[in-house]
Amino acid sequence: MISKFKDFFEKSAFGVCEYLGHKMGIASARIRIYFIYISFVAMGSPIILYLFAAFWLNVRDYIRQKRSAFFE
């Protein structure tokens, strides 16, 4: 039950940690843990950065989809 919840949350959490982990060569679980620790220390301000990164990744994917549809 807990593993199902974990899998659901990881798939629906915008993919920011996974993207950063892939780019930096670090496991996404480790990035999530660091993000949680930093959020506690910085009183939640990294959540704003996380939401901005999620928004930017979605916009970038949207632009790539439109661009590839244009050239087809």
PDB file of N, CA and C in Angstrom:
ATOM      1  N   MET A   1       0.819  -1.190   0.000  1.00  0.00           N
ATOM      2  CA  MET A   1       0.000   0.000   0.000  1.00  0.00           C
ATOM      3  C   MET A   1       0.867   1.259   0.000  1.00  0.00           C
ATOM      4  N   ILE A   2       1.882   1.272   0.840  1.00  0.00           N
ATOM      5  CA  ILE A   2       2.751   2.442   0.898  1.00  0.00           C
ATOM      6  C   ILE A   2       3.537   2.597  -0.391  1.00  0.00           C
ATOM      7  N   SER A   3       3.957   1.491  -0.983  1.00  0.00           N
ATOM      8  CA  SER A   3       4.714   1.591  -2.237  1.00  0.00           C
ATOM      9  C   SER A   3       3.828   2.100  -3.370  1.00  0.00           C
ATOM     10  N   LYS A   4       2.551   1.748  -3.371  1.00  0.00           N
ATOM     11  CA  LYS A   4       1.634   2.277  -4.385  1.00  0.00           C
ATOM     12  C   LYS A   4       1.472   3.777  -4.235  1.00  0.00           C
ATOM     13  N   PHE A   5       1.341   4.233  -2.991  1.00  0.00           N
ATOM     14  CA  PHE A   5       1.229   5.673  -2.730  1.00  0.00           C
ATOM     15  C   PHE A   5       2.496   6.393  -3.164  1.00  0.00           C
ATOM     16  N   LYS A   6       3.639   5.813  -2.851  1.00  0.00           N
ATOM     17  CA  LYS A   6       4.917   6.410  -3.227  1.00  0.00           C
ATOM     18  C   LYS A   6       5.055   6.491  -4.747  1.00  0.00           C
ATOM     19  N   ASP A   7       4.711   5.419  -5.446  1.00  0.00           N
ATOM     20  CA  ASP A   7       4.791   5.419  -6.909  1.00  0.00           C
ATOM     21  C   ASP A   7       3.853   6.451  -7.518  1.00  0.00           C
ATOM     22  N   PHE A   8       2.638   6.548  -6.983  1.00  0.00           N
ATOM     23  CA  PHE A   8       1.684   7.537  -7.493  1.00  0.00           C
ATOM     24  C   PHE A   8       2.198   8.946  -7.288  1.00  0.00           C
ATOM     25  N   PHE A   9       2.718   9.232  -6.095  1.00  0.00           N
ATOM     26  CA  PHE A   9       3.206  10.571  -5.800  1.00  0.00           C
ATOM     27  C   PHE A   9       4.408  10.932  -6.657  1.00  0.00           C
ATOM     28  N   GLU A  10       5.316   9.986  -6.861  1.00  0.00           N
ATOM     29  CA  GLU A  10       6.505  10.269  -7.659  1.00  0.00           C
ATOM     30  C   GLU A  10       6.151  10.529  -9.116  1.00  0.00           C
ATOM     31  N   LYS A  11       5.147   9.840  -9.633  1.00  0.00           N
ATOM     32  CA  LYS A  11       4.756  10.054 -11.027  1.00  0.00           C
ATOM     33  C   LYS A  11       4.009  11.363 -11.220  1.00  0.00           C
ATOM     34  N   SER A  12       3.306  11.817 -10.190  1.00  0.00           N
ATOM     35  CA  SER A  12       2.486  13.016 -10.343  1.00  0.00           C
ATOM     36  C   SER A  12       3.116  14.256  -9.729  1.00  0.00           C
ATOM     37  N   ALA A  13       4.365  14.216  -9.369  1.00  0.00           N
ATOM     38  CA  ALA A  13       5.014  15.352  -8.712  1.00  0.00           C
ATOM     39  C   ALA A  13       5.806  16.198  -9.702  1.00  0.00           C
ATOM     40  N   PHE A  14       5.313  16.365 -10.897  1.00  0.00           N
ATOM     41  CA  PHE A  14       5.844  17.256 -11.927  1.00  0.00           C
ATOM     42  C   PHE A  14       7.144  16.799 -12.555  1.00  0.00           C
ATOM     43  N   GLY A  15       7.881  15.906 -11.969  1.00  0.00           N
ATOM     44  CA  GLY A  15       9.108  15.402 -12.565  1.00  0.00           C
ATOM     45  C   GLY A  15      10.306  16.312 -12.423  1.00  0.00           C
ATOM     46  N   VAL A  16      10.241  17.298 -11.548  1.00  0.00           N
ATOM     47  CA  VAL A  16      11.345  18.235 -11.381  1.00  0.00           C
ATOM     48  C   VAL A  16      12.569  17.537 -10.792  1.00  0.00           C
ATOM     49  N   CYS A  17      12.377  16.773  -9.744  1.00  0.00           N
ATOM     50  CA  CYS A  17      13.511  16.086  -9.110  1.00  0.00           C
ATOM     51  C   CYS A  17      14.115  15.049 -10.055  1.00  0.00           C
ATOM     52  N   GLU A  18      13.265  14.377 -10.808  1.00  0.00           N
ATOM     53  CA  GLU A  18      13.768  13.397 -11.768  1.00  0.00           C
ATOM     54  C   GLU A  18      14.593  14.078 -12.858  1.00  0.00           C
ATOM     55  N   TYR A  19      14.118  15.212 -13.349  1.00  0.00           N
ATOM     56  CA  TYR A  19      14.841  15.966 -14.380  1.00  0.00           C
ATOM     57  C   TYR A  19      16.198  16.429 -13.855  1.00  0.00           C
ATOM     58  N   LEU A  20      16.202  17.006 -12.649  1.00  0.00           N
ATOM     59  CA  LEU A  20      17.466  17.473 -12.073  1.00  0.00           C
ATOM     60  C   LEU A  20      18.422  16.318 -11.813  1.00  0.00           C
ATOM     61  N   GLY A  21      17.891  15.205 -11.335  1.00  0.00           N
ATOM     62  CA  GLY A  21      18.728  14.039 -11.093  1.00  0.00           C
ATOM     63  C   GLY A  21      19.345  13.496 -12.365  1.00  0.00           C
ATOM     64  N   HIS A  22      18.561  13.488 -13.433  1.00  0.00           N
ATOM     65  CA  HIS A  22      19.074  13.003 -14.714  1.00  0.00           C
ATOM     66  C   HIS A  22      20.168  13.928 -15.240  1.00  0.00           C
ATOM     67  N   LYS A  23      19.964  15.228 -15.120  1.00  0.00           N
ATOM     68  CA  LYS A  23      20.950  16.189 -15.622  1.00  0.00           C
ATOM     69  C   LYS A  23      22.244  16.171 -14.810  1.00  0.00           C
ATOM     70  N   MET A  24      22.131  15.987 -13.494  1.00  0.00           N
ATOM     71  CA  MET A  24      23.310  16.026 -12.640  1.00  0.00           C
ATOM     72  C   MET A  24      23.899  14.657 -12.357  1.00  0.00           C
ATOM     73  N   GLY A  25      23.220  13.588 -12.759  1.00  0.00           N
ATOM     74  CA  GLY A  25      23.725  12.246 -12.524  1.00  0.00           C
ATOM     75  C   GLY A  25      23.573  11.784 -11.083  1.00  0.00           C
ATOM     76  N   ILE A  26      22.537  12.274 -10.406  1.00  0.00           N
ATOM     77  CA  ILE A  26      22.269  11.918  -9.011  1.00  0.00           C
ATOM     78  C   ILE A  26      20.904  11.249  -8.955  1.00  0.00           C
ATOM     79  N   ALA A  27      20.718  10.341  -8.020  1.00  0.00           N
ATOM     80  CA  ALA A  27      19.419   9.685  -7.871  1.00  0.00           C
ATOM     81  C   ALA A  27      18.355  10.710  -7.491  1.00  0.00           C
ATOM     82  N   SER A  28      17.186  10.583  -8.103  1.00  0.00           N
ATOM     83  CA  SER A  28      16.117  11.548  -7.836  1.00  0.00           C
ATOM     84  C   SER A  28      15.628  11.458  -6.398  1.00  0.00           C
ATOM     85  N   ALA A  29      15.700  10.298  -5.776  1.00  0.00           N
ATOM     86  CA  ALA A  29      15.292  10.165  -4.374  1.00  0.00           C
ATOM     87  C   ALA A  29      16.190  11.006  -3.467  1.00  0.00           C
ATOM     88  N   ARG A  30      17.473  11.040  -3.761  1.00  0.00           N
ATOM     89  CA  ARG A  30      18.398  11.849  -2.965  1.00  0.00           C
ATOM     90  C   ARG A  30      18.092  13.342  -3.128  1.00  0.00           C
ATOM     91  N   ILE A  31      17.750  13.758  -4.325  1.00  0.00           N
ATOM     92  CA  ILE A  31      17.401  15.166  -4.550  1.00  0.00           C
ATOM     93  C   ILE A  31      16.131  15.519  -3.798  1.00  0.00           C
ATOM     94  N   ARG A  32      15.157  14.616  -3.783  1.00  0.00           N
ATOM     95  CA  ARG A  32      13.920  14.864  -3.029  1.00  0.00           C
ATOM     96  C   ARG A  32      14.211  15.036  -1.544  1.00  0.00           C
ATOM     97  N   ILE A  33      15.079  14.199  -1.000  1.00  0.00           N
ATOM     98  CA  ILE A  33      15.426  14.305   0.418  1.00  0.00           C
ATOM     99  C   ILE A  33      16.111  15.629   0.704  1.00  0.00           C
ATOM    100  N   TYR A  34      17.072  16.018  -0.130  1.00  0.00           N
ATOM    101  CA  TYR A  34      17.739  17.308   0.059  1.00  0.00           C
ATOM    102  C   TYR A  34      16.746  18.457  -0.053  1.00  0.00           C
ATOM    103  N   PHE A  35      15.813  18.361  -0.979  1.00  0.00           N
ATOM    104  CA  PHE A  35      14.815  19.406  -1.146  1.00  0.00           C
ATOM    105  C   PHE A  35      13.956  19.531   0.125  1.00  0.00           C
ATOM    106  N   ILE A  36      13.587  18.412   0.710  1.00  0.00           N
ATOM    107  CA  ILE A  36      12.789  18.452   1.942  1.00  0.00           C
ATOM    108  C   ILE A  36      13.593  19.085   3.070  1.00  0.00           C
ATOM    109  N   TYR A  37      14.860  18.696   3.218  1.00  0.00           N
ATOM    110  CA  TYR A  37      15.694  19.284   4.270  1.00  0.00           C
ATOM    111  C   TYR A  37      15.857  20.783   4.071  1.00  0.00           C
ATOM    112  N   ILE A  38      16.123  21.199   2.861  1.00  0.00           N
ATOM    113  CA  ILE A  38      16.299  22.627   2.582  1.00  0.00           C
ATOM    114  C   ILE A  38      15.004  23.387   2.828  1.00  0.00           C
ATOM    115  N   SER A  39      13.868  22.778   2.519  1.00  0.00           N
ATOM    116  CA  SER A  39      12.585  23.440   2.762  1.00  0.00           C
ATOM    117  C   SER A  39      12.351  23.684   4.246  1.00  0.00           C
ATOM    118  N   PHE A  40      12.744  22.723   5.090  1.00  0.00           N
ATOM    119  CA  PHE A  40      12.590  22.922   6.531  1.00  0.00           C
ATOM    120  C   PHE A  40      13.518  24.020   7.045  1.00  0.00           C
ATOM    121  N   VAL A  41      14.743  24.034   6.559  1.00  0.00           N
ATOM    122  CA  VAL A  41      15.714  25.020   7.021  1.00  0.00           C
ATOM    123  C   VAL A  41      15.348  26.417   6.530  1.00  0.00           C
ATOM    124  N   ALA A  42      14.899  26.530   5.302  1.00  0.00           N
ATOM    125  CA  ALA A  42      14.630  27.836   4.706  1.00  0.00           C
ATOM    126  C   ALA A  42      13.167  28.254   4.839  1.00  0.00           C
ATOM    127  N   MET A  43      12.426  27.614   5.717  1.00  0.00           N
ATOM    128  CA  MET A  43      11.027  27.966   5.999  1.00  0.00           C
ATOM    129  C   MET A  43      10.117  27.850   4.784  1.00  0.00           C
ATOM    130  N   GLY A  44      10.371  26.897   3.904  1.00  0.00           N
ATOM    131  CA  GLY A  44       9.474  26.625   2.786  1.00  0.00           C
ATOM    132  C   GLY A  44       9.711  27.426   1.526  1.00  0.00           C
ATOM    133  N   SER A  45      10.680  28.310   1.496  1.00  0.00           N
ATOM    134  CA  SER A  45      10.893  29.123   0.300  1.00  0.00           C
ATOM    135  C   SER A  45      11.329  28.311  -0.928  1.00  0.00           C
ATOM    136  N   PRO A  46      12.015  27.169  -0.796  1.00  0.00           N
ATOM    137  CA  PRO A  46      12.337  26.387  -1.996  1.00  0.00           C
ATOM    138  C   PRO A  46      11.113  25.824  -2.706  1.00  0.00           C
ATOM    139  N   ILE A  47       9.971  25.805  -2.040  1.00  0.00           N
ATOM    140  CA  ILE A  47       8.754  25.337  -2.699  1.00  0.00           C
ATOM    141  C   ILE A  47       8.406  26.249  -3.860  1.00  0.00           C
ATOM    142  N   ILE A  48       8.659  27.539  -3.716  1.00  0.00           N
ATOM    143  CA  ILE A  48       8.410  28.493  -4.805  1.00  0.00           C
ATOM    144  C   ILE A  48       9.322  28.168  -5.983  1.00  0.00           C
ATOM    145  N   LEU A  49      10.578  27.871  -5.714  1.00  0.00           N
ATOM    146  CA  LEU A  49      11.507  27.504  -6.791  1.00  0.00           C
ATOM    147  C   LEU A  49      11.084  26.202  -7.462  1.00  0.00           C
ATOM    148  N   TYR A  50      10.605  25.247  -6.662  1.00  0.00           N
ATOM    149  CA  TYR A  50      10.149  23.974  -7.209  1.00  0.00           C
ATOM    150  C   TYR A  50       8.958  24.186  -8.137  1.00  0.00           C
ATOM    151  N   LEU A  51       7.992  24.988  -7.712  1.00  0.00           N
ATOM    152  CA  LEU A  51       6.818  25.252  -8.551  1.00  0.00           C
ATOM    153  C   LEU A  51       7.203  26.005  -9.827  1.00  0.00           C
ATOM    154  N   PHE A  52       8.156  26.931  -9.718  1.00  0.00           N
ATOM    155  CA  PHE A  52       8.634  27.633 -10.906  1.00  0.00           C
ATOM    156  C   PHE A  52       9.303  26.663 -11.876  1.00  0.00           C
ATOM    157  N   ALA A  53      10.125  25.753 -11.347  1.00  0.00           N
ATOM    158  CA  ALA A  53      10.795  24.761 -12.202  1.00  0.00           C
ATOM    159  C   ALA A  53       9.771  23.838 -12.852  1.00  0.00           C
ATOM    160  N   ALA A  54       8.741  23.435 -12.105  1.00  0.00           N
ATOM    161  CA  ALA A  54       7.692  22.580 -12.670  1.00  0.00           C
ATOM    162  C   ALA A  54       6.961  23.304 -13.791  1.00  0.00           C
ATOM    163  N   PHE A  55       6.646  24.571 -13.571  1.00  0.00           N
ATOM    164  CA  PHE A  55       5.984  25.371 -14.603  1.00  0.00           C
ATOM    165  C   PHE A  55       6.867  25.485 -15.839  1.00  0.00           C
ATOM    166  N   TRP A  56       8.149  25.755 -15.639  1.00  0.00           N
ATOM    167  CA  TRP A  56       9.068  25.922 -16.762  1.00  0.00           C
ATOM    168  C   TRP A  56       9.226  24.623 -17.550  1.00  0.00           C
ATOM    169  N   LEU A  57       9.301  23.496 -16.872  1.00  0.00           N
ATOM    170  CA  LEU A  57       9.419  22.216 -17.571  1.00  0.00           C
ATOM    171  C   LEU A  57       8.166  21.925 -18.396  1.00  0.00           C
ATOM    172  N   ASN A  58       6.993  22.247 -17.865  1.00  0.00           N
ATOM    173  CA  ASN A  58       5.757  22.040 -18.613  1.00  0.00           C
ATOM    174  C   ASN A  58       5.680  22.950 -19.832  1.00  0.00           C
ATOM    175  N   VAL A  59       6.091  24.198 -19.685  1.00  0.00           N
ATOM    176  CA  VAL A  59       6.090  25.127 -20.817  1.00  0.00           C
ATOM    177  C   VAL A  59       7.078  24.663 -21.873  1.00  0.00           C
ATOM    178  N   ARG A  60       8.245  24.218 -21.441  1.00  0.00           N
ATOM    179  CA  ARG A  60       9.261  23.755 -22.389  1.00  0.00           C
ATOM    180  C   ARG A  60       8.769  22.536 -23.168  1.00  0.00           C
ATOM    181  N   ASP A  61       8.129  21.591 -22.477  1.00  0.00           N
ATOM    182  CA  ASP A  61       7.579  20.421 -23.169  1.00  0.00           C
ATOM    183  C   ASP A  61       6.481  20.828 -24.147  1.00  0.00           C
ATOM    184  N   TYR A  62       5.661  21.781 -23.755  1.00  0.00           N
ATOM    185  CA  TYR A  62       4.594  22.270 -24.630  1.00  0.00           C
ATOM    186  C   TYR A  62       5.174  22.903 -25.894  1.00  0.00           C
ATOM    187  N   ILE A  63       6.218  23.703 -25.738  1.00  0.00           N
ATOM    188  CA  ILE A  63       6.857  24.344 -26.890  1.00  0.00           C
ATOM    189  C   ILE A  63       7.490  23.297 -27.796  1.00  0.00           C
ATOM    190  N   ARG A  64       8.139  22.304 -27.224  1.00  0.00           N
ATOM    191  CA  ARG A  64       8.745  21.245 -28.045  1.00  0.00           C
ATOM    192  C   ARG A  64       7.697  20.467 -28.822  1.00  0.00           C
ATOM    193  N   GLN A  65       6.548  20.201 -28.213  1.00  0.00           N
ATOM    194  CA  GLN A  65       5.480  19.483 -28.908  1.00  0.00           C
ATOM    195  C   GLN A  65       4.942  20.309 -30.063  1.00  0.00           C
ATOM    196  N   LYS A  66       4.753  21.590 -29.852  1.00  0.00           N
ATOM    197  CA  LYS A  66       4.246  22.462 -30.915  1.00  0.00           C
ATOM    198  C   LYS A  66       5.272  22.595 -32.036  1.00  0.00           C
ATOM    199  N   ARG A  67       6.546  22.696 -31.687  1.00  0.00           N
ATOM    200  CA  ARG A  67       7.577  22.841 -32.694  1.00  0.00           C
ATOM    201  C   ARG A  67       7.685  21.592 -33.551  1.00  0.00           C
ATOM    202  N   SER A  68       7.615  20.412 -32.926  1.00  0.00           N
ATOM    203  CA  SER A  68       7.721  19.182 -33.701  1.00  0.00           C
ATOM    204  C   SER A  68       6.474  18.997 -34.577  1.00  0.00           C
ATOM    205  N   ALA A  69       5.316  19.427 -34.116  1.00  0.00           N
ATOM    206  CA  ALA A  69       4.106  19.333 -34.924  1.00  0.00           C
ATOM    207  C   ALA A  69       4.180  20.285 -36.118  1.00  0.00           C
ATOM    208  N   PHE A  70       4.862  21.403 -35.956  1.00  0.00           N
ATOM    209  CA  PHE A  70       4.989  22.386 -37.032  1.00  0.00           C
ATOM    210  C   PHE A  70       5.848  21.849 -38.170  1.00  0.00           C
ATOM    211  N   PHE A  71       6.912  21.123 -37.834  1.00  0.00           N
ATOM    212  CA  PHE A  71       7.831  20.638 -38.850  1.00  0.00           C
ATOM    213  C   PHE A  71       7.385  19.334 -39.497  1.00  0.00           C
ATOM    214  N   GLU A  72       6.347  18.706 -38.986  1.00  0.00           N
ATOM    215  CA  GLU A  72       5.892  17.434 -39.571  1.00  0.00           C
ATOM    216  C   GLU A  72       4.985  17.640 -40.729  1.00  0.00           C
TER     217      GLU A  72
END
